[in-house]
């Protein structure tokens, strides 16, 4: 479970960077309605190779023996949870008769992408990651606990929580303000530039 959750973080960050690169280089038009969603889906599918690779490397570092079980859990666990939630929401939206409901044929296409492309890519990535050299820890852990001196106030947990929360909240708040302003003023081309600057700041 731990290794598949590590895979999810790797895949999501890879999808974010792929989408960011495509947007900043201008390969897609913001006016095209389904461009961002298409990039999300295809980059998520092809990041399965990286996800399987990193989950297998971490699994091998912890002396795991069953890499195939790790790869299967990596390719099935979180996508199945997301798919079940998506189906529940889609059924409820369909019952209400909304136009936002996803057609059944699109759901079939997503399942085909998942089974035919994502799962084999995760398996290939896990196979390659497990064949690589094991990741060594940089130092040995001493079994005798050492005395930890009292920390100054700027290194204590409450202060670090406040500063860390403030440092991440301010750029996000500024980004939301700029995004809403650009949407209200119909300056849609500013949206990706502001998002890119905030990503660099974070």
N, C-alpha and C. Protein backbone atom coordinates (compact mmCIF):
# COMPACT_ATOMS: atom_id res chain seq x y z
N UNK A 1 0.83 -1.20 0.00
CA UNK A 1 0.00 0.00 0.00
C UNK A 1 0.86 1.25 0.00
N UNK A 2 1.93 1.23 0.80
CA UNK A 2 2.83 2.38 0.87
C UNK A 2 3.48 2.67 -0.48
N UNK A 3 3.92 1.63 -1.15
CA UNK A 3 4.64 1.82 -2.41
C UNK A 3 3.71 2.31 -3.52
N UNK A 4 2.46 1.85 -3.51
CA UNK A 4 1.52 2.34 -4.51
C UNK A 4 1.13 3.78 -4.25
N UNK A 5 1.10 4.20 -2.97
CA UNK A 5 0.81 5.60 -2.69
C UNK A 5 1.98 6.49 -3.08
N UNK A 6 3.21 6.00 -2.93
CA UNK A 6 4.37 6.76 -3.41
C UNK A 6 4.30 6.91 -4.93
N UNK A 7 3.84 5.89 -5.60
CA UNK A 7 3.68 5.95 -7.06
C UNK A 7 2.70 7.02 -7.45
N UNK A 8 1.63 7.19 -6.67
CA UNK A 8 0.61 8.18 -7.00
C UNK A 8 1.20 9.58 -6.98
N UNK A 9 2.04 9.88 -6.00
CA UNK A 9 2.66 11.20 -5.93
C UNK A 9 3.60 11.43 -7.10
N UNK A 10 4.34 10.41 -7.46
CA UNK A 10 5.25 10.54 -8.60
C UNK A 10 4.49 10.78 -9.89
N UNK A 11 3.41 10.03 -10.07
CA UNK A 11 2.63 10.16 -11.30
C UNK A 11 1.93 11.52 -11.37
N UNK A 12 1.36 11.97 -10.26
CA UNK A 12 0.67 13.27 -10.26
C UNK A 12 1.63 14.42 -10.52
N UNK A 13 2.83 14.37 -9.94
CA UNK A 13 3.79 15.44 -10.22
C UNK A 13 4.26 15.37 -11.67
N UNK A 14 4.41 14.18 -12.22
CA UNK A 14 4.77 14.06 -13.63
C UNK A 14 3.69 14.59 -14.55
N UNK A 15 2.45 14.32 -14.22
CA UNK A 15 1.33 14.84 -15.02
C UNK A 15 1.30 16.36 -14.95
N UNK A 16 1.52 16.92 -13.76
CA UNK A 16 1.51 18.38 -13.62
C UNK A 16 2.61 19.03 -14.44
N UNK A 17 3.80 18.44 -14.41
CA UNK A 17 4.90 19.03 -15.18
C UNK A 17 4.70 18.86 -16.68
N UNK A 18 4.15 17.74 -17.09
CA UNK A 18 3.89 17.54 -18.53
C UNK A 18 2.85 18.54 -19.03
N UNK A 19 1.79 18.70 -18.26
CA UNK A 19 0.75 19.67 -18.65
C UNK A 19 1.32 21.08 -18.68
N UNK A 20 2.15 21.41 -17.70
CA UNK A 20 2.74 22.73 -17.62
C UNK A 20 3.63 23.02 -18.82
N UNK A 21 4.44 22.03 -19.20
CA UNK A 21 5.34 22.22 -20.34
C UNK A 21 4.56 22.40 -21.64
N UNK A 22 3.51 21.61 -21.81
CA UNK A 22 2.71 21.73 -23.03
C UNK A 22 2.01 23.08 -23.08
N UNK A 23 1.51 23.55 -21.94
CA UNK A 23 0.82 24.83 -21.94
C UNK A 23 1.77 25.99 -22.19
N UNK A 24 2.92 25.95 -21.53
CA UNK A 24 3.85 27.07 -21.65
C UNK A 24 4.50 27.15 -23.02
N UNK A 25 4.65 26.03 -23.69
CA UNK A 25 5.24 26.07 -25.03
C UNK A 25 4.21 26.42 -26.10
N UNK A 26 2.94 26.45 -25.76
CA UNK A 26 1.91 26.88 -26.70
C UNK A 26 1.46 25.82 -27.68
N UNK A 27 1.60 24.54 -27.33
CA UNK A 27 1.16 23.48 -28.23
C UNK A 27 -0.35 23.38 -28.32
N UNK A 28 -1.05 23.86 -27.30
CA UNK A 28 -2.52 23.79 -27.31
C UNK A 28 -3.10 25.19 -27.26
N UNK A 29 -4.29 25.30 -27.76
CA UNK A 29 -5.01 26.55 -27.68
C UNK A 29 -5.94 26.51 -26.48
N UNK A 30 -5.97 27.62 -25.73
CA UNK A 30 -6.84 27.67 -24.56
C UNK A 30 -8.31 27.69 -24.96
N UNK A 31 -8.58 28.11 -26.21
CA UNK A 31 -9.97 28.18 -26.66
C UNK A 31 -10.55 26.79 -26.94
N UNK A 32 -9.68 25.82 -27.23
CA UNK A 32 -10.16 24.47 -27.50
C UNK A 32 -10.61 23.85 -26.19
N UNK A 33 -11.86 23.45 -26.12
CA UNK A 33 -12.48 23.11 -24.85
C UNK A 33 -11.91 21.88 -24.17
N UNK A 34 -11.59 20.85 -24.91
CA UNK A 34 -11.15 19.62 -24.29
C UNK A 34 -9.65 19.40 -24.29
N UNK A 35 -8.87 20.44 -24.61
CA UNK A 35 -7.43 20.25 -24.75
C UNK A 35 -6.76 19.91 -23.43
N UNK A 36 -7.09 20.65 -22.38
CA UNK A 36 -6.46 20.41 -21.08
C UNK A 36 -6.82 19.03 -20.54
N UNK A 37 -8.07 18.66 -20.67
CA UNK A 37 -8.49 17.35 -20.18
C UNK A 37 -7.81 16.23 -20.96
N UNK A 38 -7.66 16.41 -22.26
CA UNK A 38 -6.98 15.40 -23.07
C UNK A 38 -5.52 15.26 -22.64
N UNK A 39 -4.86 16.37 -22.37
CA UNK A 39 -3.47 16.32 -21.93
C UNK A 39 -3.37 15.65 -20.57
N UNK A 40 -4.30 15.95 -19.67
CA UNK A 40 -4.32 15.29 -18.37
C UNK A 40 -4.42 13.78 -18.52
N UNK A 41 -5.36 13.34 -19.34
CA UNK A 41 -5.62 11.90 -19.46
C UNK A 41 -4.43 11.18 -20.09
N UNK A 42 -3.91 11.71 -21.20
CA UNK A 42 -2.83 11.02 -21.89
C UNK A 42 -1.52 11.07 -21.11
N UNK A 43 -1.25 12.19 -20.45
CA UNK A 43 -0.03 12.22 -19.64
C UNK A 43 -0.16 11.30 -18.44
N UNK A 44 -1.37 11.17 -17.86
CA UNK A 44 -1.57 10.24 -16.75
C UNK A 44 -1.37 8.79 -17.21
N UNK A 45 -1.84 8.50 -18.41
CA UNK A 45 -1.67 7.14 -18.94
C UNK A 45 -0.20 6.82 -19.14
N UNK A 46 0.54 7.72 -19.77
CA UNK A 46 1.93 7.43 -20.10
C UNK A 46 2.88 7.61 -18.93
N UNK A 47 2.43 8.27 -17.86
CA UNK A 47 3.25 8.34 -16.64
C UNK A 47 3.21 7.03 -15.86
N UNK A 48 2.43 6.06 -16.33
CA UNK A 48 2.41 4.75 -15.69
C UNK A 48 3.78 4.09 -15.71
N UNK A 49 4.56 4.35 -16.76
CA UNK A 49 5.91 3.80 -16.84
C UNK A 49 6.78 4.31 -15.70
N UNK A 50 6.73 5.62 -15.46
CA UNK A 50 7.51 6.22 -14.37
C UNK A 50 6.98 5.76 -13.02
N UNK A 51 5.66 5.66 -12.91
CA UNK A 51 5.05 5.23 -11.64
C UNK A 51 5.49 3.82 -11.27
N UNK A 52 5.44 2.91 -12.23
CA UNK A 52 5.87 1.55 -11.96
C UNK A 52 7.35 1.47 -11.63
N UNK A 53 8.15 2.26 -12.31
CA UNK A 53 9.60 2.26 -12.08
C UNK A 53 9.92 2.68 -10.65
N UNK A 54 9.34 3.81 -10.20
CA UNK A 54 9.67 4.30 -8.87
C UNK A 54 9.07 3.44 -7.76
N UNK A 55 7.89 2.91 -7.98
CA UNK A 55 7.32 2.04 -6.95
C UNK A 55 8.17 0.78 -6.78
N UNK A 56 8.68 0.22 -7.88
CA UNK A 56 9.52 -0.97 -7.78
C UNK A 56 10.87 -0.66 -7.16
N UNK A 57 11.44 0.51 -7.48
CA UNK A 57 12.73 0.87 -6.87
C UNK A 57 12.60 1.01 -5.36
N UNK A 58 11.54 1.68 -4.91
CA UNK A 58 11.35 1.85 -3.46
C UNK A 58 11.01 0.52 -2.82
N UNK A 59 10.22 -0.30 -3.49
CA UNK A 59 9.87 -1.62 -2.97
C UNK A 59 11.12 -2.49 -2.80
N UNK A 60 12.02 -2.41 -3.76
CA UNK A 60 13.26 -3.19 -3.67
C UNK A 60 14.18 -2.65 -2.57
N UNK A 61 14.15 -1.33 -2.35
CA UNK A 61 14.96 -0.74 -1.29
C UNK A 61 14.55 -1.27 0.08
N UNK A 62 13.28 -1.57 0.25
CA UNK A 62 12.77 -2.11 1.52
C UNK A 62 12.78 -3.64 1.53
N UNK A 63 13.61 -4.23 0.67
CA UNK A 63 13.83 -5.69 0.62
C UNK A 63 12.57 -6.46 0.22
N UNK A 64 11.75 -5.89 -0.64
CA UNK A 64 10.56 -6.59 -1.11
C UNK A 64 10.91 -7.65 -2.14
N UNK A 65 10.19 -8.73 -2.14
CA UNK A 65 10.47 -9.85 -3.05
C UNK A 65 9.43 -9.99 -4.16
N UNK A 66 8.22 -9.54 -3.93
CA UNK A 66 7.12 -9.79 -4.88
C UNK A 66 6.84 -8.51 -5.69
N UNK A 67 7.69 -8.23 -6.66
CA UNK A 67 7.55 -7.00 -7.43
C UNK A 67 6.30 -7.01 -8.30
N UNK A 68 5.85 -8.19 -8.72
CA UNK A 68 4.65 -8.26 -9.56
C UNK A 68 3.41 -7.85 -8.76
N UNK A 69 3.34 -8.25 -7.50
CA UNK A 69 2.24 -7.84 -6.63
C UNK A 69 2.27 -6.32 -6.42
N UNK A 70 3.47 -5.78 -6.24
CA UNK A 70 3.60 -4.33 -6.08
C UNK A 70 3.15 -3.60 -7.35
N UNK A 71 3.52 -4.13 -8.52
CA UNK A 71 3.13 -3.50 -9.78
C UNK A 71 1.62 -3.58 -9.99
N UNK A 72 1.04 -4.71 -9.65
CA UNK A 72 -0.42 -4.85 -9.80
C UNK A 72 -1.16 -3.89 -8.87
N UNK A 73 -0.70 -3.78 -7.64
CA UNK A 73 -1.31 -2.86 -6.70
C UNK A 73 -1.13 -1.41 -7.15
N UNK A 74 0.03 -1.13 -7.73
CA UNK A 74 0.31 0.22 -8.24
C UNK A 74 -0.63 0.59 -9.37
N UNK A 75 -0.90 -0.36 -10.26
CA UNK A 75 -1.72 -0.04 -11.43
C UNK A 75 -3.21 -0.11 -11.17
N UNK A 76 -3.63 -0.72 -10.05
CA UNK A 76 -5.06 -0.92 -9.83
C UNK A 76 -5.62 -0.11 -8.67
N UNK A 77 -4.86 0.07 -7.59
CA UNK A 77 -5.43 0.57 -6.33
C UNK A 77 -6.05 1.96 -6.47
N UNK A 78 -5.25 2.97 -6.74
CA UNK A 78 -5.79 4.33 -6.79
C UNK A 78 -6.65 4.61 -8.02
N UNK A 79 -6.29 4.11 -9.21
CA UNK A 79 -7.22 4.33 -10.33
C UNK A 79 -8.59 3.72 -10.11
N UNK A 80 -8.66 2.56 -9.45
CA UNK A 80 -9.98 1.95 -9.21
C UNK A 80 -10.79 2.76 -8.21
N UNK A 81 -10.14 3.30 -7.17
CA UNK A 81 -10.85 4.15 -6.21
C UNK A 81 -11.38 5.40 -6.91
N UNK A 82 -10.53 6.03 -7.71
CA UNK A 82 -10.97 7.22 -8.44
C UNK A 82 -12.08 6.90 -9.43
N UNK A 83 -11.99 5.74 -10.08
CA UNK A 83 -13.00 5.36 -11.05
C UNK A 83 -14.35 5.10 -10.38
N UNK A 84 -14.34 4.46 -9.22
CA UNK A 84 -15.59 4.20 -8.50
C UNK A 84 -16.24 5.52 -8.08
N UNK A 85 -15.43 6.45 -7.54
CA UNK A 85 -15.98 7.76 -7.16
C UNK A 85 -16.53 8.50 -8.37
N UNK A 86 -15.80 8.43 -9.48
CA UNK A 86 -16.26 9.07 -10.70
C UNK A 86 -17.58 8.48 -11.19
N UNK A 87 -17.70 7.16 -11.13
CA UNK A 87 -18.94 6.52 -11.58
C UNK A 87 -20.13 6.89 -10.69
N UNK A 88 -19.89 6.95 -9.38
CA UNK A 88 -20.99 7.34 -8.47
C UNK A 88 -21.46 8.76 -8.78
N UNK A 89 -20.51 9.67 -8.93
CA UNK A 89 -20.88 11.06 -9.24
C UNK A 89 -21.56 11.14 -10.60
N UNK A 90 -21.06 10.39 -11.58
CA UNK A 90 -21.64 10.43 -12.92
C UNK A 90 -23.07 9.87 -12.93
N UNK A 91 -23.31 8.81 -12.17
CA UNK A 91 -24.67 8.25 -12.09
C UNK A 91 -25.62 9.25 -11.44
N UNK A 92 -25.16 9.90 -10.37
CA UNK A 92 -26.02 10.90 -9.71
C UNK A 92 -26.31 12.08 -10.63
N UNK A 93 -25.31 12.50 -11.39
CA UNK A 93 -25.52 13.61 -12.32
C UNK A 93 -26.45 13.18 -13.46
N UNK A 94 -26.33 11.94 -13.90
CA UNK A 94 -27.21 11.43 -14.97
C UNK A 94 -28.65 11.34 -14.49
N UNK A 95 -28.84 10.94 -13.23
CA UNK A 95 -30.21 10.86 -12.69
C UNK A 95 -30.86 12.23 -12.66
N UNK A 96 -30.06 13.26 -12.37
CA UNK A 96 -30.59 14.62 -12.35
C UNK A 96 -30.83 15.17 -13.75
N UNK A 97 -30.35 14.49 -14.77
CA UNK A 97 -30.57 14.93 -16.15
C UNK A 97 -29.67 16.08 -16.57
N UNK A 98 -28.49 16.19 -15.97
CA UNK A 98 -27.58 17.28 -16.30
C UNK A 98 -26.83 16.98 -17.58
N UNK A 99 -26.42 18.05 -18.27
CA UNK A 99 -25.64 17.89 -19.49
C UNK A 99 -24.17 17.64 -19.21
N UNK A 100 -23.78 17.72 -17.94
CA UNK A 100 -22.39 17.50 -17.56
C UNK A 100 -22.05 16.01 -17.50
N UNK A 101 -23.06 15.15 -17.47
CA UNK A 101 -22.82 13.71 -17.35
C UNK A 101 -21.99 13.19 -18.53
N UNK A 102 -21.04 12.33 -18.21
CA UNK A 102 -20.15 11.76 -19.22
C UNK A 102 -20.88 10.62 -19.93
N UNK A 103 -20.87 10.58 -21.26
CA UNK A 103 -21.54 9.49 -21.99
C UNK A 103 -20.88 8.14 -21.70
N UNK A 104 -21.65 7.09 -21.88
CA UNK A 104 -21.17 5.74 -21.58
C UNK A 104 -19.99 5.34 -22.47
N UNK A 105 -19.99 5.76 -23.71
CA UNK A 105 -18.91 5.39 -24.63
C UNK A 105 -17.58 6.01 -24.19
N UNK A 106 -17.63 7.20 -23.62
CA UNK A 106 -16.40 7.83 -23.10
C UNK A 106 -15.85 7.06 -21.91
N UNK A 107 -16.75 6.54 -21.07
CA UNK A 107 -16.32 5.74 -19.93
C UNK A 107 -15.67 4.45 -20.41
N UNK A 108 -16.23 3.85 -21.47
CA UNK A 108 -15.63 2.64 -22.04
C UNK A 108 -14.23 2.95 -22.59
N UNK A 109 -14.05 4.10 -23.25
CA UNK A 109 -12.74 4.49 -23.75
C UNK A 109 -11.73 4.65 -22.61
N UNK A 110 -12.16 5.23 -21.50
CA UNK A 110 -11.27 5.40 -20.35
C UNK A 110 -10.85 4.04 -19.78
N UNK A 111 -11.79 3.11 -19.70
CA UNK A 111 -11.46 1.77 -19.19
C UNK A 111 -10.48 1.07 -20.13
N UNK A 112 -10.69 1.24 -21.44
CA UNK A 112 -9.77 0.63 -22.42
C UNK A 112 -8.37 1.24 -22.28
N UNK A 113 -8.29 2.56 -22.11
CA UNK A 113 -6.99 3.20 -21.90
C UNK A 113 -6.32 2.66 -20.65
N UNK A 114 -7.10 2.47 -19.61
CA UNK A 114 -6.56 1.98 -18.34
C UNK A 114 -6.03 0.55 -18.47
N UNK A 115 -6.82 -0.33 -19.08
CA UNK A 115 -6.45 -1.74 -19.13
C UNK A 115 -5.39 -2.02 -20.20
N UNK A 116 -5.53 -1.41 -21.38
CA UNK A 116 -4.64 -1.76 -22.48
C UNK A 116 -3.32 -0.99 -22.44
N UNK A 117 -3.34 0.24 -21.94
CA UNK A 117 -2.12 1.05 -21.96
C UNK A 117 -1.49 1.23 -20.58
N UNK A 118 -2.27 1.66 -19.59
CA UNK A 118 -1.68 2.00 -18.30
C UNK A 118 -1.13 0.78 -17.57
N UNK A 119 -1.92 -0.29 -17.50
CA UNK A 119 -1.46 -1.45 -16.75
C UNK A 119 -0.19 -2.08 -17.35
N UNK A 120 -0.08 -2.28 -18.66
CA UNK A 120 1.19 -2.79 -19.19
C UNK A 120 2.36 -1.84 -18.98
N UNK A 121 2.12 -0.51 -19.08
CA UNK A 121 3.21 0.43 -18.85
C UNK A 121 3.71 0.36 -17.42
N UNK A 122 2.78 0.22 -16.46
CA UNK A 122 3.19 0.08 -15.06
C UNK A 122 3.98 -1.20 -14.86
N UNK A 123 3.54 -2.29 -15.50
CA UNK A 123 4.27 -3.55 -15.38
C UNK A 123 5.68 -3.45 -15.98
N UNK A 124 5.80 -2.81 -17.13
CA UNK A 124 7.12 -2.64 -17.75
C UNK A 124 8.02 -1.77 -16.86
N UNK A 125 7.45 -0.66 -16.34
CA UNK A 125 8.22 0.20 -15.46
C UNK A 125 8.66 -0.51 -14.19
N UNK A 126 7.77 -1.33 -13.62
CA UNK A 126 8.14 -2.09 -12.42
C UNK A 126 9.22 -3.11 -12.72
N UNK A 127 9.12 -3.76 -13.87
CA UNK A 127 10.14 -4.73 -14.25
C UNK A 127 11.51 -4.06 -14.38
N UNK A 128 11.54 -2.91 -15.06
CA UNK A 128 12.79 -2.19 -15.23
C UNK A 128 13.32 -1.66 -13.90
N UNK A 129 12.42 -1.14 -13.06
CA UNK A 129 12.85 -0.60 -11.78
C UNK A 129 13.38 -1.66 -10.84
N UNK A 130 12.79 -2.85 -10.89
CA UNK A 130 13.25 -3.93 -10.01
C UNK A 130 14.57 -4.53 -10.47
N UNK A 131 14.90 -4.40 -11.74
CA UNK A 131 16.15 -4.93 -12.25
C UNK A 131 17.33 -4.01 -11.96
N UNK A 132 17.08 -2.75 -11.62
CA UNK A 132 18.16 -1.83 -11.34
C UNK A 132 18.79 -2.13 -9.99
N UNK A 133 19.94 -1.52 -9.76
CA UNK A 133 20.65 -1.71 -8.50
C UNK A 133 19.83 -1.15 -7.35
N UNK A 134 19.90 -1.79 -6.20
CA UNK A 134 19.13 -1.38 -5.04
C UNK A 134 19.61 -0.02 -4.55
N UNK A 135 18.67 0.80 -4.09
CA UNK A 135 19.01 2.11 -3.55
C UNK A 135 19.58 1.92 -2.16
N UNK A 136 20.80 2.41 -1.96
CA UNK A 136 21.45 2.29 -0.65
C UNK A 136 21.17 3.52 0.18
N UNK A 137 20.94 3.30 1.47
CA UNK A 137 20.78 4.43 2.38
C UNK A 137 22.14 5.10 2.57
N UNK A 138 22.17 6.43 2.67
CA UNK A 138 23.47 7.12 2.73
C UNK A 138 24.23 6.89 4.03
N UNK A 139 23.57 6.49 5.08
CA UNK A 139 24.26 6.27 6.35
C UNK A 139 23.56 5.16 7.13
N UNK A 140 24.30 4.60 8.06
CA UNK A 140 23.73 3.56 8.92
C UNK A 140 23.05 4.20 10.12
N UNK A 141 21.99 3.57 10.57
CA UNK A 141 21.26 4.08 11.72
C UNK A 141 21.89 3.53 12.99
N UNK A 142 22.18 4.44 13.92
CA UNK A 142 22.76 4.03 15.19
C UNK A 142 21.65 3.53 16.11
N UNK A 143 21.84 2.39 16.74
CA UNK A 143 20.80 1.82 17.59
C UNK A 143 20.73 2.48 18.95
N UNK A 144 21.78 3.20 19.34
CA UNK A 144 21.77 3.93 20.62
C UNK A 144 21.22 5.33 20.37
N UNK A 145 20.11 5.69 21.02
CA UNK A 145 19.55 7.03 20.77
C UNK A 145 20.46 8.13 21.30
N UNK A 146 20.56 9.20 20.53
CA UNK A 146 21.40 10.33 20.93
C UNK A 146 20.55 11.40 21.60
N UNK A 147 21.19 12.20 22.41
CA UNK A 147 20.51 13.31 23.08
C UNK A 147 20.27 14.43 22.08
N UNK A 148 19.04 14.91 22.01
CA UNK A 148 18.69 16.02 21.11
C UNK A 148 18.58 17.27 21.96
N UNK A 149 19.42 18.27 21.70
CA UNK A 149 19.35 19.49 22.53
C UNK A 149 18.07 20.27 22.27
N UNK A 150 17.74 21.16 23.17
CA UNK A 150 16.55 21.99 23.03
C UNK A 150 16.73 22.94 21.85
N UNK A 151 15.72 23.00 21.00
CA UNK A 151 15.81 23.79 19.78
C UNK A 151 15.47 25.25 20.05
N UNK A 152 16.07 26.17 19.28
CA UNK A 152 15.64 27.57 19.40
C UNK A 152 14.23 27.74 18.88
N UNK A 153 13.62 28.86 19.17
CA UNK A 153 12.19 29.05 18.89
C UNK A 153 11.90 28.98 17.39
N UNK A 154 12.82 29.41 16.54
CA UNK A 154 12.55 29.40 15.10
C UNK A 154 12.68 28.01 14.49
N UNK A 155 13.11 27.00 15.25
CA UNK A 155 13.16 25.63 14.76
C UNK A 155 12.13 24.74 15.43
N UNK A 156 11.26 25.30 16.25
CA UNK A 156 10.24 24.50 16.91
C UNK A 156 9.03 24.31 15.99
N UNK A 157 8.26 23.25 16.27
CA UNK A 157 7.17 22.85 15.38
C UNK A 157 6.10 23.92 15.19
N UNK A 158 5.59 24.61 16.23
CA UNK A 158 4.54 25.61 15.98
C UNK A 158 4.99 26.74 15.06
N UNK A 159 6.20 27.24 15.27
CA UNK A 159 6.70 28.32 14.42
C UNK A 159 6.88 27.86 12.98
N UNK A 160 7.42 26.65 12.79
CA UNK A 160 7.61 26.13 11.44
C UNK A 160 6.28 25.88 10.73
N UNK A 161 5.26 25.45 11.49
CA UNK A 161 3.94 25.24 10.89
C UNK A 161 3.34 26.55 10.41
N UNK A 162 3.48 27.60 11.23
CA UNK A 162 2.92 28.91 10.85
C UNK A 162 3.64 29.47 9.63
N UNK A 163 4.96 29.44 9.66
CA UNK A 163 5.74 30.00 8.55
C UNK A 163 5.53 29.17 7.28
N UNK A 164 5.54 27.82 7.42
CA UNK A 164 5.32 26.98 6.25
C UNK A 164 3.94 27.17 5.64
N UNK A 165 2.92 27.27 6.48
CA UNK A 165 1.57 27.50 5.98
C UNK A 165 1.43 28.86 5.32
N UNK A 166 2.06 29.88 5.93
CA UNK A 166 1.98 31.22 5.37
C UNK A 166 2.71 31.30 4.03
N UNK A 167 3.87 30.63 3.94
CA UNK A 167 4.65 30.68 2.71
C UNK A 167 3.95 29.99 1.55
N UNK A 168 3.13 28.99 1.83
CA UNK A 168 2.40 28.33 0.74
C UNK A 168 1.04 28.97 0.48
N UNK A 169 0.46 29.60 1.50
CA UNK A 169 -0.86 30.21 1.32
C UNK A 169 -0.78 31.49 0.50
N UNK A 170 0.22 32.32 0.74
CA UNK A 170 0.30 33.63 0.08
C UNK A 170 0.42 33.49 -1.44
N UNK A 171 1.35 32.66 -1.98
CA UNK A 171 1.37 32.54 -3.44
C UNK A 171 0.09 31.96 -4.03
N UNK A 172 -0.53 31.01 -3.31
CA UNK A 172 -1.78 30.44 -3.81
C UNK A 172 -2.89 31.49 -3.83
N UNK A 173 -2.96 32.32 -2.78
CA UNK A 173 -3.97 33.37 -2.73
C UNK A 173 -3.74 34.41 -3.83
N UNK A 174 -2.49 34.77 -4.06
CA UNK A 174 -2.19 35.72 -5.13
C UNK A 174 -2.54 35.13 -6.49
N UNK A 175 -2.24 33.85 -6.68
CA UNK A 175 -2.57 33.20 -7.95
C UNK A 175 -4.07 33.19 -8.19
N UNK A 176 -4.83 32.84 -7.16
CA UNK A 176 -6.28 32.80 -7.32
C UNK A 176 -6.82 34.18 -7.65
N UNK A 177 -6.27 35.20 -6.98
CA UNK A 177 -6.69 36.57 -7.29
C UNK A 177 -6.41 36.95 -8.73
N UNK A 178 -5.22 36.64 -9.23
CA UNK A 178 -4.87 36.96 -10.61
C UNK A 178 -5.71 36.16 -11.60
N UNK A 179 -5.95 34.89 -11.28
CA UNK A 179 -6.75 34.06 -12.19
C UNK A 179 -8.17 34.59 -12.30
N UNK A 180 -8.78 34.88 -11.16
CA UNK A 180 -10.15 35.40 -11.19
C UNK A 180 -10.21 36.76 -11.89
N UNK A 181 -9.21 37.61 -11.66
CA UNK A 181 -9.18 38.90 -12.33
C UNK A 181 -9.04 38.74 -13.84
N UNK A 182 -8.17 37.81 -14.26
CA UNK A 182 -8.00 37.62 -15.70
C UNK A 182 -9.23 37.00 -16.34
N UNK A 183 -9.95 36.14 -15.60
CA UNK A 183 -11.18 35.57 -16.15
C UNK A 183 -12.26 36.63 -16.25
N UNK A 184 -12.39 37.47 -15.22
CA UNK A 184 -13.41 38.52 -15.26
C UNK A 184 -13.12 39.56 -16.34
N UNK A 185 -11.82 39.82 -16.59
CA UNK A 185 -11.47 40.81 -17.61
C UNK A 185 -11.29 40.17 -18.99
N UNK A 186 -11.55 38.86 -19.09
CA UNK A 186 -11.43 38.10 -20.35
C UNK A 186 -10.00 38.08 -20.88
N UNK A 187 -9.02 38.06 -19.96
CA UNK A 187 -7.62 37.92 -20.33
C UNK A 187 -7.19 36.49 -20.04
N UNK A 188 -7.65 35.56 -20.83
CA UNK A 188 -7.39 34.16 -20.55
C UNK A 188 -5.93 33.76 -20.77
N UNK A 189 -5.20 34.54 -21.54
CA UNK A 189 -3.82 34.17 -21.82
C UNK A 189 -2.91 34.41 -20.61
N UNK A 190 -3.35 35.17 -19.62
CA UNK A 190 -2.54 35.38 -18.42
C UNK A 190 -2.59 34.18 -17.47
N UNK A 191 -3.60 33.36 -17.60
CA UNK A 191 -3.84 32.30 -16.62
C UNK A 191 -2.65 31.36 -16.48
N UNK A 192 -2.10 30.88 -17.58
CA UNK A 192 -1.02 29.90 -17.52
C UNK A 192 0.28 30.54 -17.06
N UNK A 193 0.51 31.80 -17.42
CA UNK A 193 1.73 32.47 -16.97
C UNK A 193 1.73 32.65 -15.46
N UNK A 194 0.59 33.05 -14.88
CA UNK A 194 0.52 33.20 -13.43
C UNK A 194 0.69 31.86 -12.74
N UNK A 195 0.08 30.83 -13.29
CA UNK A 195 0.21 29.51 -12.70
C UNK A 195 1.65 29.03 -12.73
N UNK A 196 2.34 29.32 -13.83
CA UNK A 196 3.74 28.90 -13.95
C UNK A 196 4.62 29.64 -12.94
N UNK A 197 4.39 30.93 -12.75
CA UNK A 197 5.19 31.69 -11.79
C UNK A 197 4.97 31.19 -10.37
N UNK A 198 3.72 30.89 -10.03
CA UNK A 198 3.43 30.37 -8.69
C UNK A 198 4.05 28.99 -8.50
N UNK A 199 4.05 28.17 -9.55
CA UNK A 199 4.69 26.85 -9.45
C UNK A 199 6.18 27.00 -9.19
N UNK A 200 6.83 27.96 -9.82
CA UNK A 200 8.25 28.18 -9.58
C UNK A 200 8.48 28.67 -8.15
N UNK A 201 7.59 29.55 -7.66
CA UNK A 201 7.73 30.06 -6.28
C UNK A 201 7.56 28.96 -5.25
N UNK A 202 6.65 28.02 -5.51
CA UNK A 202 6.43 26.94 -4.54
C UNK A 202 7.52 25.92 -4.63
